[in-house]
C-alpha atoms as a PDB file:
ATOM      1  CA  MET A   1      51.463 188.960  29.376  1.00  0.00           C
ATOM      2  CA  THR A   2      53.474 188.113  25.844  1.00  0.00           C
ATOM      3  CA  MET A   3      51.600 187.202  22.824  1.00  0.00           C
ATOM      4  CA  LYS A   4      53.532 183.716  23.329  1.00  0.00           C
ATOM      5  CA  SER A   5      51.806 183.211  26.569  1.00  0.00           C
ATOM      6  CA  LEU A   6      48.305 184.711  25.185  1.00  0.00           C
ATOM      7  CA  SER A   7      48.479 181.787  22.826  1.00  0.00           C
ATOM      8  CA  LYS A   8      49.228 179.067  25.115  1.00  0.00           C
ATOM      9  CA  LEU A   9      46.290 180.289  27.562  1.00  0.00           C
ATOM     10  CA  ALA A  10      43.762 180.620  24.062  1.00  0.00           C
ATOM     11  CA  ALA A  11      44.784 176.984  22.954  1.00  0.00           C
ATOM     12  CA  GLY A  12      44.520 175.834  26.491  1.00  0.00           C
ATOM     13  CA  ALA A  13      41.076 177.541  26.982  1.00  0.00           C
ATOM     14  CA  THR A  14      40.119 175.890  23.917  1.00  0.00           C
ATOM     15  CA  PHE A  15      41.176 172.464  24.384  1.00  0.00           C
ATOM     16  CA  VAL A  16      39.464 172.807  27.914  1.00  0.00           C
ATOM     17  CA  VAL A  17      36.097 173.844  26.663  1.00  0.00           C
ATOM     18  CA  ALA A  18      35.983 171.147  24.603  1.00  0.00           C
ATOM     19  CA  VAL A  19      37.126 168.502  27.172  1.00  0.00           C
ATOM     20  CA  ILE A  20      34.115 169.870  29.129  1.00  0.00           C
ATOM     21  CA  ILE A  21      31.682 169.840  26.920  1.00  0.00           C
ATOM     22  CA  SER A  22      31.953 166.354  24.989  1.00  0.00           C
ATOM     23  CA  PRO A  23      30.341 163.960  28.008  1.00  0.00           C
ATOM     24  CA  PHE A  24      27.123 166.047  26.877  1.00  0.00           C
ATOM     25  CA  ALA A  25      27.600 165.730  23.283  1.00  0.00           C
ATOM     26  CA  PHE A  26      27.660 161.754  24.188  1.00  0.00           C
ATOM     27  CA  ALA A  27      25.173 161.748  26.334  1.00  0.00           C
ATOM     28  CA  HIS A  28      21.703 160.236  24.693  1.00  0.00           C
ATOM     29  CA  ASP A  29      18.279 159.119  25.757  1.00  0.00           C
ATOM     30  CA  PRO A  30      17.818 155.768  24.662  1.00  0.00           C
ATOM     31  CA  GLU A  31      13.957 156.378  23.607  1.00  0.00           C
ATOM     32  CA  ASN A  32      15.339 159.036  21.448  1.00  0.00           C
ATOM     33  CA  ALA A  33      18.300 157.435  19.303  1.00  0.00           C
ATOM     34  CA  GLY A  34      18.083 160.986  17.009  1.00  0.00           C
ATOM     35  CA  GLY A  35      21.356 162.728  16.887  1.00  0.00           C
ATOM     36  CA  PHE A  36      23.631 160.184  18.370  1.00  0.00           C
ATOM     37  CA  GLN A  37      25.764 157.583  16.766  1.00  0.00           C
ATOM     38  CA  ALA A  38      26.980 154.820  19.737  1.00  0.00           C
ATOM     39  CA  ALA A  39      30.260 153.763  18.384  1.00  0.00           C
ATOM     40  CA  ASP A  40      31.266 151.011  15.884  1.00  0.00           C
ATOM     41  CA  ASP A  41      31.842 148.006  17.831  1.00  0.00           C
ATOM     42  CA  LYS A  42      34.409 147.296  15.233  1.00  0.00           C
ATOM     43  CA  GLN A  43      36.502 150.452  15.800  1.00  0.00           C
ATOM     44  CA  ALA A  44      35.737 150.524  20.112  1.00  0.00           C
ATOM     45  CA  THR A  45      38.093 148.005  21.509  1.00  0.00           C
ATOM     46  CA  ASP A  46      37.636 146.097  24.673  1.00  0.00           C
ATOM     47  CA  VAL A  47      40.420 147.322  27.063  1.00  0.00           C
ATOM     48  CA  THR A  48      41.480 147.486  30.851  1.00  0.00           C
ATOM     49  CA  VAL A  49      43.396 150.768  32.241  1.00  0.00           C
ATOM     50  CA  THR A  50      45.657 150.962  35.201  1.00  0.00           C
ATOM     51  CA  GLY A  51      46.438 154.854  35.590  1.00  0.00           C
ATOM     52  CA  GLU A  52      46.176 158.089  37.920  1.00  0.00           C
ATOM     53  CA  ILE A  53      42.881 159.506  38.201  1.00  0.00           C
ATOM     54  CA  VAL A  54      42.716 163.080  37.010  1.00  0.00           C
ATOM     55  CA  ASP A  55      40.664 166.214  36.921  1.00  0.00           C
ATOM     56  CA  MET A  56      41.208 166.703  32.816  1.00  0.00           C
ATOM     57  CA  MET A  57      40.671 170.450  33.226  1.00  0.00           C
ATOM     58  CA  CYS A  58      43.953 171.340  35.269  1.00  0.00           C
ATOM     59  CA  TYR A  59      45.468 167.956  33.894  1.00  0.00           C
ATOM     60  CA  VAL A  60      45.192 169.743  29.855  1.00  0.00           C
ATOM     61  CA  ASP A  61      45.536 172.926  31.931  1.00  0.00           C
ATOM     62  CA  HIS A  62      48.660 172.547  33.636  1.00  0.00           C
ATOM     63  CA  LYS A  63      49.269 168.793  33.755  1.00  0.00           C
ATOM     64  CA  ALA A  64      48.680 168.277  37.385  1.00  0.00           C
ATOM     65  CA  MET A  65      48.574 165.092  38.463  1.00  0.00           C
ATOM     66  CA  GLY A  66      49.671 163.717  42.189  1.00  0.00           C
ATOM     67  CA  ALA A  67      48.020 162.815  45.248  1.00  0.00           C
ATOM     68  CA  ASP A  68      48.650 166.471  46.515  1.00  0.00           C
ATOM     69  CA  HIS A  69      46.947 167.829  43.413  1.00  0.00           C
ATOM     70  CA  GLY A  70      43.972 165.489  43.964  1.00  0.00           C
ATOM     71  CA  SER A  71      43.240 165.690  47.290  1.00  0.00           C
ATOM     72  CA  ALA A  72      43.449 169.770  47.136  1.00  0.00           C
ATOM     73  CA  CYS A  73      41.910 170.214  44.212  1.00  0.00           C
ATOM     74  CA  GLY A  74      41.279 167.905  41.626  1.00  0.00           C
ATOM     75  CA  SER A  75      38.555 165.607  44.043  1.00  0.00           C
ATOM     76  CA  LYS A  76      36.402 169.035  44.017  1.00  0.00           C
ATOM     77  CA  CYS A  77      36.716 170.358  40.652  1.00  0.00           C
ATOM     78  CA  ILE A  78      35.498 166.334  39.797  1.00  0.00           C
ATOM     79  CA  LYS A  79      32.720 166.625  42.723  1.00  0.00           C
ATOM     80  CA  ASN A  80      31.930 169.848  40.846  1.00  0.00           C
ATOM     81  CA  GLY A  81      31.004 168.611  37.279  1.00  0.00           C
ATOM     82  CA  GLY A  82      34.648 168.925  36.065  1.00  0.00           C
ATOM     83  CA  PRO A  83      35.269 166.220  33.751  1.00  0.00           C
ATOM     84  CA  VAL A  84      37.349 162.992  35.004  1.00  0.00           C
ATOM     85  CA  GLY A  85      40.165 161.525  32.995  1.00  0.00           C
ATOM     86  CA  ILE A  86      42.666 158.296  33.537  1.00  0.00           C
ATOM     87  CA  VAL A  87      46.109 159.300  32.673  1.00  0.00           C
ATOM     88  CA  ASP A  88      48.305 155.567  32.020  1.00  0.00           C
ATOM     89  CA  LYS A  89      51.886 155.753  30.734  1.00  0.00           C
ATOM     90  CA  ASP A  90      51.513 160.012  29.520  1.00  0.00           C
ATOM     91  CA  LYS A  91      48.408 158.886  27.498  1.00  0.00           C
ATOM     92  CA  ALA A  92      44.819 160.240  28.733  1.00  0.00           C
ATOM     93  CA  TYR A  93      41.364 159.237  28.521  1.00  0.00           C
ATOM     94  CA  LEU A  94      38.108 160.917  29.045  1.00  0.00           C
ATOM     95  CA  VAL A  95      36.185 158.560  31.201  1.00  0.00           C
ATOM     96  CA  VAL A  96      32.347 158.287  30.402  1.00  0.00           C
ATOM     97  CA  GLY A  97      29.941 155.748  31.870  1.00  0.00           C
ATOM     98  CA  GLU A  98      27.600 154.023  30.252  1.00  0.00           C
ATOM     99  CA  HIS A  99      26.040 157.135  28.926  1.00  0.00           C
ATOM    100  CA  LYS A 100      26.625 159.314  32.076  1.00  0.00           C
ATOM    101  CA  PRO A 101      29.951 161.110  33.915  1.00  0.00           C
ATOM    102  CA  MET A 102      31.358 158.970  36.774  1.00  0.00           C
ATOM    103  CA  ASN A 103      32.334 161.841  38.759  1.00  0.00           C
ATOM    104  CA  ASP A 104      30.639 160.711  41.979  1.00  0.00           C
ATOM    105  CA  GLN A 105      32.298 157.291  41.776  1.00  0.00           C
ATOM    106  CA  LEU A 106      35.971 158.331  40.881  1.00  0.00           C
ATOM    107  CA  ALA A 107      36.221 162.083  42.665  1.00  0.00           C
ATOM    108  CA  ASP A 108      38.068 160.591  45.594  1.00  0.00           C
ATOM    109  CA  SER A 109      40.004 158.618  43.761  1.00  0.00           C
ATOM    110  CA  CYS A 110      41.421 161.898  41.654  1.00  0.00           C
ATOM    111  CA  GLY A 111      45.651 161.774  42.268  1.00  0.00           C
ATOM    112  CA  LYS A 112      45.094 157.592  43.053  1.00  0.00           C
ATOM    113  CA  THR A 113      46.259 154.924  40.672  1.00  0.00           C
ATOM    114  CA  ILE A 114      42.870 152.339  39.942  1.00  0.00           C
ATOM    115  CA  THR A 115      41.915 150.276  37.127  1.00  0.00           C
ATOM    116  CA  LEU A 116      39.182 150.957  34.497  1.00  0.00           C
ATOM    117  CA  LYS A 117      38.016 148.508  32.084  1.00  0.00           C
ATOM    118  CA  GLY A 118      35.951 149.808  29.174  1.00  0.00           C
ATOM    119  CA  LYS A 119      35.801 150.503  25.507  1.00  0.00           C
ATOM    120  CA  LEU A 120      38.607 152.365  23.952  1.00  0.00           C
ATOM    121  CA  ALA A 121      37.078 154.838  21.522  1.00  0.00           C
ATOM    122  CA  GLU A 122      38.178 158.156  20.088  1.00  0.00           C
ATOM    123  CA  ARG A 123      35.695 161.391  19.245  1.00  0.00           C
ATOM    124  CA  GLY A 124      37.199 164.717  17.583  1.00  0.00           C
ATOM    125  CA  GLY A 125      40.656 163.575  18.183  1.00  0.00           C
ATOM    126  CA  ILE A 126      39.883 163.193  22.479  1.00  0.00           C
ATOM    127  CA  ALA A 127      40.442 159.455  23.556  1.00  0.00           C
ATOM    128  CA  LEU A 128      37.879 158.061  25.441  1.00  0.00           C
ATOM    129  CA  LEU A 129      37.343 155.090  27.727  1.00  0.00           C
ATOM    130  CA  GLU A 130      33.730 154.731  27.655  1.00  0.00           C
ATOM    131  CA  ASN A 131      30.936 152.248  29.152  1.00  0.00           C
ATOM    132  CA  ALA A 132      33.507 152.503  31.522  1.00  0.00           C
ATOM    133  CA  GLU A 133      33.482 150.688  34.982  1.00  0.00           C
ATOM    134  CA  ILE A 134      35.535 150.225  38.153  1.00  0.00           C
ATOM    135  CA  VAL A 135      37.614 147.231  38.285  1.00  0.00           C
ATOM    136  CA  GLN A 136      39.740 148.338  41.424  1.00  0.00           C
ATOM    137  CA  GLN A 137      40.385 151.338  43.381  1.00  0.00           C
END
């Protein structure tokens, strides 16, 4: 393996780890607000996004998309707890429900185009669609 390949692999692995742990960083117990900062309503924008549901690990690692990947790999990764995202015009968003992952609701939609609504936010350079709800599957 060349040094360039190792560098790419290390960068990809670092991003995948950040994407995997980010939903847990935003989760909180409503009874214990310590350590959690809700998005400032002035910064978070209500949006509707129509795009392809993706398994963020494979998307970030090798831009895996499409129905074939969704049915063969992506939906299984999402069902097993991998981060779920939506890609609209080459812009990827990590999808987070209302203080919980949406894996169970979105796993079977991997590789398919659906519409979600939620609040557009960014944390640590990662684009988020938080408090997401399914509009149309």
